[in-house]
Amino acid sequence: MSERFTEEQIVAGRRLFGGPAVFRLGVAQLDKLPPVKGVEIAFAGRSNAGKSSLINALTGVRELARASNTPGRTRELNFFDIGGKITLVDMPGYGYAKASKKDVKQWQGVLRGYLRGRPGLTRVFVLIDARHGVLSADEEMMDLLDEAAVTYQLVLTKIDKVKPLELADVETKTEAFAAKRAACFPVVHATSSQTYVGLPELRAEIASLL
């Protein structure tokens, strides 16, 4: 993946995430959304796909986003300020393993409203657990993003937990899947929040959106 980025772009990504990263607020209702402050980048993914861990690894702040071993624990849109230059948004994990139908309906409404009407939302990174590849719940999220005409990009997570041949296979399949989606940016990032593989390139990708 690194050949897509020059050393200058890698450095720009490092600088972007080298400043202070702070939690702004969590929002459970559309009317509570904070004012738009420049470019927003959102992270979506199935429950336990590794969103919180990836945000923590990107920023270098260990508990900036609170990871949980309980699927579906995140119930808010969580906003993080990155050096006053960009806002990261941690979206509720989908899949909703332990959520009621009422909660699911409420969150679908909040997500649709956020995605359709948020000025400044520049890209959504959809996290795909490399151990499982793209699942039906991921496709449902992408349908929502296609419908909202929001550009999104797929990011494989937890690549340290799969063997090299398995990783090559899931990368190929994920890239082929991305190429067929209407609003999907075709380049797939492969990352590990444990070994930090792929993080410099993902930072550079985000920095390029400023």
N, C-alpha and C. Protein backbone atom coordinates (compact mmCIF):
# COMPACT_ATOMS: atom_id res chain seq x y z
N MET A 1 0.81 -1.20 0.00
CA MET A 1 0.00 0.00 0.00
C MET A 1 0.85 1.27 0.00
N SER A 2 2.05 1.21 0.58
CA SER A 2 2.84 2.41 0.80
C SER A 2 3.29 3.07 -0.50
N GLU A 3 3.34 2.30 -1.60
CA GLU A 3 3.79 2.89 -2.85
C GLU A 3 2.81 3.95 -3.36
N ARG A 4 1.61 3.96 -2.84
CA ARG A 4 0.64 4.99 -3.24
C ARG A 4 0.99 6.35 -2.66
N PHE A 5 1.83 6.38 -1.66
CA PHE A 5 2.11 7.62 -0.94
C PHE A 5 3.58 7.97 -1.00
N THR A 6 3.86 9.25 -1.20
CA THR A 6 5.23 9.72 -1.16
C THR A 6 5.66 9.88 0.29
N GLU A 7 6.96 10.03 0.49
CA GLU A 7 7.47 10.26 1.84
C GLU A 7 6.88 11.55 2.41
N GLU A 8 6.68 12.53 1.55
CA GLU A 8 6.10 13.80 1.98
C GLU A 8 4.67 13.61 2.51
N GLN A 9 3.90 12.75 1.84
CA GLN A 9 2.53 12.47 2.29
C GLN A 9 2.52 11.70 3.60
N ILE A 10 3.45 10.77 3.75
CA ILE A 10 3.56 10.02 5.00
C ILE A 10 3.88 10.97 6.16
N VAL A 11 4.80 11.90 5.91
CA VAL A 11 5.17 12.89 6.93
C VAL A 11 3.98 13.78 7.27
N ALA A 12 3.21 14.18 6.24
CA ALA A 12 2.03 15.03 6.48
C ALA A 12 1.02 14.31 7.37
N GLY A 13 0.85 13.01 7.16
CA GLY A 13 -0.05 12.22 7.99
C GLY A 13 0.45 12.13 9.42
N ARG A 14 1.77 11.95 9.56
CA ARG A 14 2.34 11.87 10.90
C ARG A 14 2.17 13.19 11.65
N ARG A 15 2.36 14.30 10.93
CA ARG A 15 2.21 15.61 11.56
C ARG A 15 0.77 15.88 11.97
N LEU A 16 -0.16 15.49 11.09
CA LEU A 16 -1.58 15.71 11.40
C LEU A 16 -1.96 15.04 12.72
N PHE A 17 -1.48 13.82 12.90
CA PHE A 17 -1.85 13.06 14.10
C PHE A 17 -0.83 13.23 15.23
N GLY A 18 0.14 14.12 15.02
CA GLY A 18 1.15 14.35 16.06
C GLY A 18 0.72 15.39 17.08
N GLY A 19 -0.35 16.12 16.75
CA GLY A 19 -0.84 17.14 17.67
C GLY A 19 -1.77 16.55 18.71
N PRO A 20 -2.35 17.40 19.56
CA PRO A 20 -3.25 16.90 20.61
C PRO A 20 -4.53 16.31 20.02
N ALA A 21 -4.96 15.20 20.57
CA ALA A 21 -6.22 14.57 20.16
C ALA A 21 -7.12 14.51 21.40
N VAL A 22 -8.29 15.13 21.31
CA VAL A 22 -9.17 15.20 22.48
C VAL A 22 -10.60 14.82 22.12
N PHE A 23 -11.28 14.24 23.08
CA PHE A 23 -12.69 13.91 22.94
C PHE A 23 -13.51 15.19 23.06
N ARG A 24 -14.41 15.43 22.09
CA ARG A 24 -15.27 16.61 22.15
C ARG A 24 -16.57 16.30 22.86
N LEU A 25 -17.35 15.38 22.32
CA LEU A 25 -18.62 15.00 22.95
C LEU A 25 -19.20 13.78 22.27
N GLY A 26 -20.16 13.15 22.96
CA GLY A 26 -20.91 12.04 22.41
C GLY A 26 -22.35 12.49 22.18
N VAL A 27 -22.93 12.05 21.07
CA VAL A 27 -24.26 12.52 20.69
C VAL A 27 -25.16 11.33 20.39
N ALA A 28 -26.36 11.33 20.99
CA ALA A 28 -27.31 10.24 20.78
C ALA A 28 -28.53 10.70 19.98
N GLN A 29 -28.62 12.02 19.72
CA GLN A 29 -29.76 12.56 18.98
C GLN A 29 -29.28 13.57 17.95
N LEU A 30 -29.97 13.62 16.82
CA LEU A 30 -29.54 14.51 15.75
C LEU A 30 -29.53 15.97 16.15
N ASP A 31 -30.48 16.38 16.98
CA ASP A 31 -30.56 17.79 17.36
C ASP A 31 -29.45 18.19 18.35
N LYS A 32 -28.64 17.22 18.75
CA LYS A 32 -27.53 17.50 19.67
C LYS A 32 -26.18 17.54 18.96
N LEU A 33 -26.19 17.40 17.64
CA LEU A 33 -24.93 17.39 16.90
C LEU A 33 -24.19 18.72 17.09
N PRO A 34 -22.87 18.67 17.25
CA PRO A 34 -22.09 19.90 17.43
C PRO A 34 -21.98 20.66 16.11
N PRO A 35 -21.66 21.95 16.16
CA PRO A 35 -21.43 22.70 14.92
C PRO A 35 -20.31 22.05 14.12
N VAL A 36 -20.43 22.11 12.80
CA VAL A 36 -19.39 21.55 11.94
C VAL A 36 -18.13 22.38 12.08
N LYS A 37 -17.02 21.70 12.28
CA LYS A 37 -15.72 22.37 12.44
C LYS A 37 -14.75 21.79 11.43
N GLY A 38 -14.78 22.31 10.21
CA GLY A 38 -13.88 21.81 9.17
C GLY A 38 -14.25 20.42 8.68
N VAL A 39 -13.23 19.67 8.28
CA VAL A 39 -13.42 18.34 7.70
C VAL A 39 -13.73 17.30 8.78
N GLU A 40 -14.75 16.48 8.52
CA GLU A 40 -15.05 15.36 9.41
C GLU A 40 -14.81 14.04 8.69
N ILE A 41 -14.19 13.13 9.39
CA ILE A 41 -13.93 11.78 8.90
C ILE A 41 -14.58 10.81 9.89
N ALA A 42 -15.45 9.94 9.41
CA ALA A 42 -16.14 9.02 10.30
C ALA A 42 -15.62 7.59 10.13
N PHE A 43 -15.73 6.83 11.21
CA PHE A 43 -15.34 5.42 11.20
C PHE A 43 -16.57 4.58 11.52
N ALA A 44 -16.86 3.63 10.64
CA ALA A 44 -17.98 2.72 10.84
C ALA A 44 -17.46 1.29 10.82
N GLY A 45 -18.20 0.39 11.43
CA GLY A 45 -17.78 -1.01 11.43
C GLY A 45 -18.69 -1.84 12.30
N ARG A 46 -18.69 -3.14 12.04
CA ARG A 46 -19.47 -4.04 12.90
C ARG A 46 -18.97 -3.96 14.33
N SER A 47 -19.84 -4.31 15.25
CA SER A 47 -19.44 -4.34 16.65
C SER A 47 -18.19 -5.20 16.81
N ASN A 48 -17.19 -4.64 17.49
CA ASN A 48 -15.92 -5.32 17.73
C ASN A 48 -15.06 -5.50 16.48
N ALA A 49 -15.27 -4.64 15.47
CA ALA A 49 -14.41 -4.68 14.28
C ALA A 49 -13.09 -3.98 14.56
N GLY A 50 -13.02 -3.25 15.68
CA GLY A 50 -11.77 -2.61 16.06
C GLY A 50 -11.72 -1.11 15.82
N LYS A 51 -12.90 -0.45 15.79
CA LYS A 51 -12.92 0.99 15.54
C LYS A 51 -12.19 1.78 16.62
N SER A 52 -12.55 1.53 17.86
CA SER A 52 -11.94 2.28 18.96
C SER A 52 -10.43 2.05 19.02
N SER A 53 -10.03 0.81 18.84
CA SER A 53 -8.60 0.49 18.86
C SER A 53 -7.85 1.19 17.74
N LEU A 54 -8.48 1.27 16.55
CA LEU A 54 -7.83 1.92 15.42
C LEU A 54 -7.69 3.42 15.66
N ILE A 55 -8.74 4.05 16.18
CA ILE A 55 -8.67 5.48 16.48
C ILE A 55 -7.58 5.75 17.52
N ASN A 56 -7.51 4.92 18.54
CA ASN A 56 -6.47 5.09 19.56
C ASN A 56 -5.08 4.93 18.96
N ALA A 57 -4.92 3.96 18.07
CA ALA A 57 -3.61 3.70 17.46
C ALA A 57 -3.22 4.84 16.51
N LEU A 58 -4.17 5.33 15.74
CA LEU A 58 -3.89 6.43 14.81
C LEU A 58 -3.43 7.68 15.54
N THR A 59 -4.08 7.97 16.67
CA THR A 59 -3.79 9.21 17.41
C THR A 59 -2.66 9.04 18.42
N GLY A 60 -2.36 7.79 18.77
CA GLY A 60 -1.34 7.56 19.78
C GLY A 60 -1.81 7.85 21.19
N VAL A 61 -3.13 7.97 21.36
CA VAL A 61 -3.71 8.20 22.68
C VAL A 61 -4.44 6.93 23.10
N ARG A 62 -3.90 6.26 24.07
CA ARG A 62 -4.31 4.89 24.38
C ARG A 62 -5.80 4.70 24.64
N GLU A 63 -6.41 5.59 25.42
CA GLU A 63 -7.82 5.41 25.76
C GLU A 63 -8.68 6.57 25.27
N LEU A 64 -8.29 7.17 24.15
CA LEU A 64 -9.07 8.27 23.59
C LEU A 64 -10.48 7.78 23.27
N ALA A 65 -10.57 6.71 22.50
CA ALA A 65 -11.84 6.05 22.23
C ALA A 65 -11.88 4.80 23.10
N ARG A 66 -12.94 4.63 23.81
CA ARG A 66 -13.01 3.52 24.75
C ARG A 66 -13.45 2.24 24.05
N ALA A 67 -12.53 1.29 24.00
CA ALA A 67 -12.85 -0.01 23.40
C ALA A 67 -13.63 -0.84 24.41
N SER A 68 -14.46 -1.74 23.91
CA SER A 68 -15.24 -2.60 24.79
C SER A 68 -15.27 -4.01 24.25
N ASN A 69 -15.28 -4.97 25.14
CA ASN A 69 -15.40 -6.36 24.73
C ASN A 69 -16.86 -6.77 24.54
N THR A 70 -17.78 -5.86 24.85
CA THR A 70 -19.20 -6.14 24.70
C THR A 70 -19.69 -5.60 23.36
N PRO A 71 -20.06 -6.46 22.42
CA PRO A 71 -20.51 -5.98 21.11
C PRO A 71 -21.67 -5.01 21.23
N GLY A 72 -21.65 -3.96 20.42
CA GLY A 72 -22.75 -3.01 20.41
C GLY A 72 -22.77 -2.05 21.59
N ARG A 73 -21.66 -1.93 22.30
CA ARG A 73 -21.62 -1.10 23.51
C ARG A 73 -21.69 0.39 23.17
N THR A 74 -21.05 0.81 22.09
CA THR A 74 -21.06 2.21 21.71
C THR A 74 -22.45 2.59 21.23
N ARG A 75 -23.06 3.57 21.88
CA ARG A 75 -24.42 3.96 21.56
C ARG A 75 -24.51 5.41 21.12
N GLU A 76 -23.37 6.04 20.86
CA GLU A 76 -23.36 7.44 20.48
C GLU A 76 -22.44 7.68 19.30
N LEU A 77 -22.66 8.82 18.65
CA LEU A 77 -21.68 9.33 17.70
C LEU A 77 -20.66 10.09 18.53
N ASN A 78 -19.43 9.61 18.58
CA ASN A 78 -18.41 10.24 19.41
C ASN A 78 -17.47 11.07 18.55
N PHE A 79 -17.33 12.34 18.92
CA PHE A 79 -16.55 13.30 18.14
C PHE A 79 -15.21 13.57 18.83
N PHE A 80 -14.13 13.54 18.02
CA PHE A 80 -12.78 13.77 18.53
C PHE A 80 -12.11 14.86 17.70
N ASP A 81 -11.49 15.82 18.37
CA ASP A 81 -10.76 16.89 17.70
C ASP A 81 -9.29 16.49 17.59
N ILE A 82 -8.76 16.55 16.37
CA ILE A 82 -7.36 16.17 16.12
C ILE A 82 -6.57 17.44 15.79
N GLY A 83 -5.92 17.98 16.79
CA GLY A 83 -5.05 19.13 16.61
C GLY A 83 -5.73 20.37 16.06
N GLY A 84 -7.07 20.46 16.20
CA GLY A 84 -7.79 21.59 15.66
C GLY A 84 -7.87 21.60 14.15
N LYS A 85 -7.45 20.50 13.51
CA LYS A 85 -7.38 20.46 12.04
C LYS A 85 -8.43 19.56 11.41
N ILE A 86 -8.87 18.58 12.16
CA ILE A 86 -9.81 17.60 11.59
C ILE A 86 -10.61 16.98 12.74
N THR A 87 -11.82 16.54 12.43
CA THR A 87 -12.66 15.88 13.43
C THR A 87 -12.87 14.42 13.03
N LEU A 88 -12.59 13.51 13.95
CA LEU A 88 -12.88 12.09 13.74
C LEU A 88 -14.19 11.76 14.46
N VAL A 89 -15.00 10.94 13.82
CA VAL A 89 -16.29 10.54 14.40
C VAL A 89 -16.34 9.02 14.49
N ASP A 90 -16.50 8.53 15.71
CA ASP A 90 -16.63 7.09 15.96
C ASP A 90 -18.12 6.78 15.96
N MET A 91 -18.58 6.08 14.92
CA MET A 91 -20.00 5.76 14.80
C MET A 91 -20.35 4.50 15.58
N PRO A 92 -21.61 4.35 15.99
CA PRO A 92 -22.01 3.15 16.72
C PRO A 92 -21.75 1.89 15.91
N GLY A 93 -21.24 0.87 16.56
CA GLY A 93 -21.00 -0.40 15.88
C GLY A 93 -22.32 -1.00 15.40
N TYR A 94 -22.33 -1.48 14.17
CA TYR A 94 -23.56 -2.12 13.68
C TYR A 94 -23.44 -3.62 13.82
N GLY A 95 -24.54 -4.31 13.57
CA GLY A 95 -24.62 -5.73 13.90
C GLY A 95 -25.53 -5.89 15.10
N TYR A 96 -25.38 -4.97 16.07
CA TYR A 96 -26.31 -4.86 17.20
C TYR A 96 -26.64 -6.21 17.84
N ALA A 97 -25.60 -6.93 18.20
CA ALA A 97 -25.80 -8.29 18.71
C ALA A 97 -26.75 -8.35 19.91
N LYS A 98 -26.69 -7.34 20.77
CA LYS A 98 -27.49 -7.41 22.00
C LYS A 98 -28.48 -6.25 22.13
N ALA A 99 -28.76 -5.57 21.01
CA ALA A 99 -29.65 -4.42 21.06
C ALA A 99 -31.08 -4.84 20.74
N SER A 100 -32.04 -4.09 21.30
CA SER A 100 -33.45 -4.35 21.01
C SER A 100 -33.81 -3.78 19.65
N LYS A 101 -34.93 -4.21 19.09
CA LYS A 101 -35.38 -3.70 17.80
C LYS A 101 -35.63 -2.20 17.87
N LYS A 102 -36.12 -1.74 19.01
CA LYS A 102 -36.38 -0.31 19.20
C LYS A 102 -35.08 0.49 19.12
N ASP A 103 -34.04 -0.03 19.78
CA ASP A 103 -32.73 0.64 19.76
C ASP A 103 -32.15 0.66 18.34
N VAL A 104 -32.28 -0.48 17.65
CA VAL A 104 -31.76 -0.57 16.29
C VAL A 104 -32.43 0.46 15.40
N LYS A 105 -33.76 0.56 15.49
CA LYS A 105 -34.52 1.50 14.66
C LYS A 105 -34.10 2.94 14.97
N GLN A 106 -33.92 3.24 16.26
CA GLN A 106 -33.52 4.59 16.66
C GLN A 106 -32.15 4.93 16.06
N TRP A 107 -31.21 3.98 16.18
CA TRP A 107 -29.86 4.26 15.70
C TRP A 107 -29.78 4.33 14.19
N GLN A 108 -30.59 3.54 13.51
CA GLN A 108 -30.62 3.65 12.05
C GLN A 108 -31.10 5.03 11.63
N GLY A 109 -32.07 5.55 12.36
CA GLY A 109 -32.58 6.89 12.08
C GLY A 109 -31.53 7.96 12.31
N VAL A 110 -30.78 7.83 13.41
CA VAL A 110 -29.72 8.79 13.73
C VAL A 110 -28.62 8.73 12.66
N LEU A 111 -28.22 7.52 12.29
CA LEU A 111 -27.16 7.37 11.29
C LEU A 111 -27.57 7.91 9.93
N ARG A 112 -28.80 7.60 9.52
CA ARG A 112 -29.28 8.12 8.23
C ARG A 112 -29.28 9.64 8.23
N GLY A 113 -29.79 10.22 9.32
CA GLY A 113 -29.85 11.68 9.40
C GLY A 113 -28.46 12.30 9.39
N TYR A 114 -27.53 11.68 10.10
CA TYR A 114 -26.16 12.20 10.14
C TYR A 114 -25.50 12.11 8.77
N LEU A 115 -25.62 10.96 8.13
CA LEU A 115 -24.95 10.73 6.85
C LEU A 115 -25.52 11.61 5.74
N ARG A 116 -26.82 11.79 5.74
CA ARG A 116 -27.46 12.55 4.66
C ARG A 116 -27.28 14.05 4.79
N GLY A 117 -27.21 14.53 6.03
CA GLY A 117 -27.28 15.97 6.18
C GLY A 117 -26.11 16.64 6.86
N ARG A 118 -24.95 15.99 6.89
CA ARG A 118 -23.82 16.54 7.63
C ARG A 118 -22.84 17.24 6.69
N PRO A 119 -22.82 18.57 6.67
CA PRO A 119 -21.81 19.28 5.89
C PRO A 119 -20.42 18.97 6.46
N GLY A 120 -19.46 18.86 5.62
CA GLY A 120 -18.09 18.61 6.11
C GLY A 120 -17.73 17.15 6.22
N LEU A 121 -18.74 16.25 6.18
CA LEU A 121 -18.43 14.81 6.23
C LEU A 121 -17.79 14.42 4.91
N THR A 122 -16.50 14.19 4.93
CA THR A 122 -15.73 14.02 3.70
C THR A 122 -15.56 12.56 3.30
N ARG A 123 -15.40 11.69 4.27
CA ARG A 123 -15.26 10.27 3.97
C ARG A 123 -15.61 9.44 5.20
N VAL A 124 -16.16 8.27 4.94
CA VAL A 124 -16.41 7.29 6.00
C VAL A 124 -15.52 6.09 5.74
N PHE A 125 -14.73 5.73 6.73
CA PHE A 125 -13.91 4.52 6.63
C PHE A 125 -14.70 3.37 7.25
N VAL A 126 -15.00 2.37 6.44
CA VAL A 126 -15.76 1.20 6.90
C VAL A 126 -14.77 0.10 7.23
N LEU A 127 -14.74 -0.28 8.51
CA LEU A 127 -13.75 -1.26 8.97
C LEU A 127 -14.28 -2.68 8.78
N ILE A 128 -13.43 -3.51 8.21
CA ILE A 128 -13.75 -4.91 7.93
C ILE A 128 -12.77 -5.80 8.67
N ASP A 129 -13.25 -6.63 9.56
CA ASP A 129 -12.39 -7.56 10.29
C ASP A 129 -11.77 -8.55 9.29
N ALA A 130 -10.45 -8.56 9.20
CA ALA A 130 -9.77 -9.40 8.21
C ALA A 130 -10.01 -10.89 8.44
N ARG A 131 -10.41 -11.26 9.64
CA ARG A 131 -10.68 -12.68 9.92
C ARG A 131 -11.97 -13.15 9.27
N HIS A 132 -12.85 -12.22 8.96
CA HIS A 132 -14.18 -12.60 8.44
C HIS A 132 -14.47 -12.07 7.04
N GLY A 133 -13.76 -11.00 6.62
CA GLY A 133 -14.07 -10.39 5.33
C GLY A 133 -15.39 -9.64 5.38
N VAL A 134 -15.89 -9.27 4.21
CA VAL A 134 -17.14 -8.51 4.13
C VAL A 134 -18.33 -9.42 4.44
N LEU A 135 -19.13 -9.02 5.42
CA LEU A 135 -20.32 -9.79 5.81
C LEU A 135 -21.58 -9.02 5.43
N SER A 136 -22.72 -9.67 5.60
CA SER A 136 -23.99 -9.05 5.19
C SER A 136 -24.25 -7.74 5.93
N ALA A 137 -23.86 -7.66 7.21
CA ALA A 137 -24.06 -6.43 7.96
C ALA A 137 -23.22 -5.29 7.37
N ASP A 138 -22.03 -5.62 6.88
CA ASP A 138 -21.19 -4.62 6.22
C ASP A 138 -21.86 -4.12 4.93
N GLU A 139 -22.43 -5.05 4.19
CA GLU A 139 -23.10 -4.68 2.94
C GLU A 139 -24.29 -3.76 3.22
N GLU A 140 -25.01 -4.01 4.31
CA GLU A 140 -26.15 -3.16 4.67
C GLU A 140 -25.68 -1.74 4.97
N MET A 141 -24.54 -1.63 5.66
CA MET A 141 -23.98 -0.31 5.96
C MET A 141 -23.58 0.39 4.67
N MET A 142 -22.98 -0.35 3.75
CA MET A 142 -22.56 0.25 2.48
C MET A 142 -23.75 0.66 1.63
N ASP A 143 -24.84 -0.10 1.71
CA ASP A 143 -26.07 0.29 1.01
C ASP A 143 -26.54 1.65 1.53
N LEU A 144 -26.46 1.84 2.84
CA LEU A 144 -26.86 3.10 3.45
C LEU A 144 -25.97 4.24 2.98
N LEU A 145 -24.67 3.99 2.88
CA LEU A 145 -23.72 5.00 2.43
C LEU A 145 -23.92 5.32 0.95
N ASP A 146 -24.16 4.29 0.14
CA ASP A 146 -24.45 4.52 -1.27
C ASP A 146 -25.70 5.38 -1.42
N GLU A 147 -26.71 5.05 -0.63
CA GLU A 147 -27.98 5.78 -0.66
C GLU A 147 -27.78 7.24 -0.28
N ALA A 148 -26.91 7.49 0.71
CA ALA A 148 -26.66 8.85 1.18
C ALA A 148 -25.64 9.58 0.30
N ALA A 149 -25.07 8.87 -0.67
CA ALA A 149 -24.06 9.44 -1.58
C ALA A 149 -22.87 10.00 -0.82
N VAL A 150 -22.44 9.26 0.22
CA VAL A 150 -21.26 9.63 0.98
C VAL A 150 -20.10 8.74 0.53
N THR A 151 -18.97 9.34 0.18
CA THR A 151 -17.81 8.55 -0.23
C THR A 151 -17.28 7.76 0.96
N TYR A 152 -17.00 6.49 0.76
CA TYR A 152 -16.46 5.66 1.84
C TYR A 152 -15.32 4.81 1.31
N GLN A 153 -14.56 4.26 2.25
CA GLN A 153 -13.37 3.48 1.90
C GLN A 153 -13.25 2.32 2.88
N LEU A 154 -12.87 1.16 2.39
CA LEU A 154 -12.78 -0.03 3.24
C LEU A 154 -11.39 -0.15 3.86
N VAL A 155 -11.38 -0.51 5.14
CA VAL A 155 -10.14 -0.70 5.89
C VAL A 155 -10.18 -2.06 6.56
N LEU A 156 -9.26 -2.94 6.19
CA LEU A 156 -9.15 -4.23 6.87
C LEU A 156 -8.46 -4.02 8.21
N THR A 157 -9.01 -4.60 9.26
CA THR A 157 -8.43 -4.49 10.59
C THR A 157 -7.98 -5.87 11.08
N LYS A 158 -7.17 -5.85 12.12
CA LYS A 158 -6.72 -7.09 12.79
C LYS A 158 -5.98 -8.03 11.84
N ILE A 159 -5.18 -7.45 10.93
CA ILE A 159 -4.48 -8.31 9.97
C ILE A 159 -3.39 -9.14 10.63
N ASP A 160 -3.00 -8.76 11.87
CA ASP A 160 -2.02 -9.55 12.60
C ASP A 160 -2.59 -10.90 13.05
N LYS A 161 -3.91 -11.05 12.95
CA LYS A 161 -4.56 -12.27 13.43
C LYS A 161 -4.83 -13.29 12.32
N VAL A 162 -4.38 -12.96 11.10
CA VAL A 162 -4.56 -13.91 9.99
C VAL A 162 -3.21 -14.24 9.35
N LYS A 163 -3.11 -15.40 8.75
CA LYS A 163 -1.87 -15.82 8.10
C LYS A 163 -1.69 -15.07 6.78
N PRO A 164 -0.43 -14.92 6.32
CA PRO A 164 -0.16 -14.14 5.10
C PRO A 164 -0.98 -14.57 3.88
N LEU A 165 -1.12 -15.86 3.64
CA LEU A 165 -1.90 -16.31 2.49
C LEU A 165 -3.37 -15.96 2.64
N GLU A 166 -3.89 -16.09 3.87
CA GLU A 166 -5.28 -15.74 4.13
C GLU A 166 -5.49 -14.24 3.94
N LEU A 167 -4.51 -13.46 4.37
CA LEU A 167 -4.60 -12.01 4.23
C LEU A 167 -4.62 -11.61 2.76
N ALA A 168 -3.74 -12.22 1.97
CA ALA A 168 -3.69 -11.92 0.54
C ALA A 168 -5.04 -12.22 -0.11
N ASP A 169 -5.66 -13.32 0.31
CA ASP A 169 -6.95 -13.72 -0.25
C ASP A 169 -8.05 -12.73 0.13
N VAL A 170 -8.08 -12.34 1.41
CA VAL A 170 -9.14 -11.42 1.85
C VAL A 170 -8.93 -10.03 1.26
N GLU A 171 -7.68 -9.62 1.06
CA GLU A 171 -7.40 -8.34 0.42
C GLU A 171 -7.93 -8.34 -1.02
N THR A 172 -7.65 -9.40 -1.74
CA THR A 172 -8.10 -9.50 -3.13
C THR A 172 -9.61 -9.46 -3.23
N LYS A 173 -10.27 -10.22 -2.36
CA LYS A 173 -11.73 -10.27 -2.38
C LYS A 173 -12.34 -8.93 -1.97
N THR A 174 -11.72 -8.27 -0.99
CA THR A 174 -12.24 -6.99 -0.52
C THR A 174 -12.07 -5.91 -1.58
N GLU A 175 -10.94 -5.92 -2.26
CA GLU A 175 -10.71 -4.95 -3.34
C GLU A 175 -11.70 -5.16 -4.48
N ALA A 176 -11.98 -6.41 -4.81
CA ALA A 176 -12.94 -6.72 -5.87
C ALA A 176 -14.34 -6.27 -5.46
N PHE A 177 -14.66 -6.45 -4.19
CA PHE A 177 -15.96 -6.02 -3.68
C PHE A 177 -16.08 -4.50 -3.74
N ALA A 178 -15.03 -3.80 -3.31
CA ALA A 178 -15.05 -2.34 -3.29
C ALA A 178 -15.25 -1.77 -4.69
N ALA A 179 -14.66 -2.43 -5.68
CA ALA A 179 -14.73 -1.92 -7.05
C ALA A 179 -16.15 -1.93 -7.61
N LYS A 180 -17.02 -2.71 -7.00
CA LYS A 180 -18.39 -2.84 -7.50
C LYS A 180 -19.36 -1.87 -6.83
N ARG A 181 -18.91 -1.16 -5.79
CA ARG A 181 -19.82 -0.30 -5.04
C ARG A 181 -19.81 1.13 -5.58
N ALA A 182 -20.98 1.72 -5.63
CA ALA A 182 -21.14 3.02 -6.28
C ALA A 182 -20.33 4.14 -5.64
N ALA A 183 -20.37 4.25 -4.32
CA ALA A 183 -19.74 5.38 -3.65
C ALA A 183 -18.44 5.01 -2.96
N CYS A 184 -17.93 3.81 -3.24
CA CYS A 184 -16.75 3.31 -2.53
C CYS A 184 -15.46 3.71 -3.24
N PHE A 185 -14.56 4.37 -2.49
CA PHE A 185 -13.23 4.68 -3.01
C PHE A 185 -12.50 3.34 -3.17
N PRO A 186 -11.88 3.07 -4.33
CA PRO A 186 -11.45 1.71 -4.64
C PRO A 186 -10.23 1.16 -3.91
N VAL A 187 -9.48 2.01 -3.21
CA VAL A 187 -8.26 1.53 -2.55
C VAL A 187 -8.57 1.03 -1.14
N VAL A 188 -8.15 -0.19 -0.84
CA VAL A 188 -8.37 -0.81 0.48
C VAL A 188 -7.10 -0.72 1.31
N HIS A 189 -7.24 -0.29 2.57
CA HIS A 189 -6.11 -0.26 3.49
C HIS A 189 -6.15 -1.51 4.37
N ALA A 190 -4.98 -2.08 4.63
CA ALA A 190 -4.85 -3.24 5.53
C ALA A 190 -4.07 -2.79 6.76
N THR A 191 -4.67 -2.95 7.94
CA THR A 191 -4.08 -2.37 9.15
C THR A 191 -4.08 -3.33 10.34
N SER A 192 -3.23 -3.00 11.28
CA SER A 192 -3.24 -3.68 12.59
C SER A 192 -2.99 -2.64 13.67
N SER A 193 -3.90 -2.55 14.62
CA SER A 193 -3.74 -1.62 15.74
C SER A 193 -2.71 -2.14 16.75
N GLN A 194 -2.36 -3.42 16.63
CA GLN A 194 -1.39 -4.02 17.54
C GLN A 194 0.04 -3.84 17.04
N THR A 195 0.26 -4.06 15.75
CA THR A 195 1.61 -3.98 15.20
C THR A 195 1.86 -2.65 14.46
N TYR A 196 0.79 -1.87 14.27
CA TYR A 196 0.84 -0.56 13.61
C TYR A 196 1.10 -0.65 12.11
N VAL A 197 1.04 -1.84 11.55
CA VAL A 197 1.17 -1.99 10.10
C VAL A 197 0.01 -1.26 9.42
N GLY A 198 0.34 -0.49 8.39
CA GLY A 198 -0.68 0.20 7.61
C GLY A 198 -1.15 1.52 8.17
N LEU A 199 -0.76 1.85 9.40
CA LEU A 199 -1.24 3.10 10.01
C LEU A 199 -0.62 4.35 9.38
N PRO A 200 0.69 4.35 9.05
CA PRO A 200 1.24 5.55 8.39
C PRO A 200 0.52 5.87 7.08
N GLU A 201 0.18 4.84 6.31
CA GLU A 201 -0.52 5.04 5.05
C GLU A 201 -1.94 5.54 5.28
N LEU A 202 -2.61 5.01 6.30
CA LEU A 202 -3.98 5.47 6.58
C LEU A 202 -3.96 6.92 7.07
N ARG A 203 -2.97 7.27 7.89
CA ARG A 203 -2.83 8.68 8.30
C ARG A 203 -2.61 9.57 7.08
N ALA A 204 -1.76 9.12 6.15
CA ALA A 204 -1.49 9.90 4.94
C ALA A 204 -2.76 10.06 4.11
N GLU A 205 -3.56 9.00 4.02
CA GLU A 205 -4.83 9.07 3.28
C GLU A 205 -5.75 10.13 3.90
N ILE A 206 -5.84 10.12 5.22
CA ILE A 206 -6.70 11.08 5.91
C ILE A 206 -6.18 12.50 5.73
N ALA A 207 -4.87 12.66 5.83
CA ALA A 207 -4.26 13.99 5.67
C ALA A 207 -4.52 14.54 4.27
N SER A 208 -4.60 13.65 3.27
CA SER A 208 -4.82 14.09 1.90
C SER A 208 -6.22 14.64 1.69
N LEU A 209 -7.12 14.39 2.64
CA LEU A 209 -8.51 14.84 2.51
C LEU A 209 -8.69 16.27 3.04
N LEU A 210 -7.67 16.80 3.68
CA LEU A 210 -7.77 18.16 4.21
C LEU A 210 -7.75 19.19 3.08
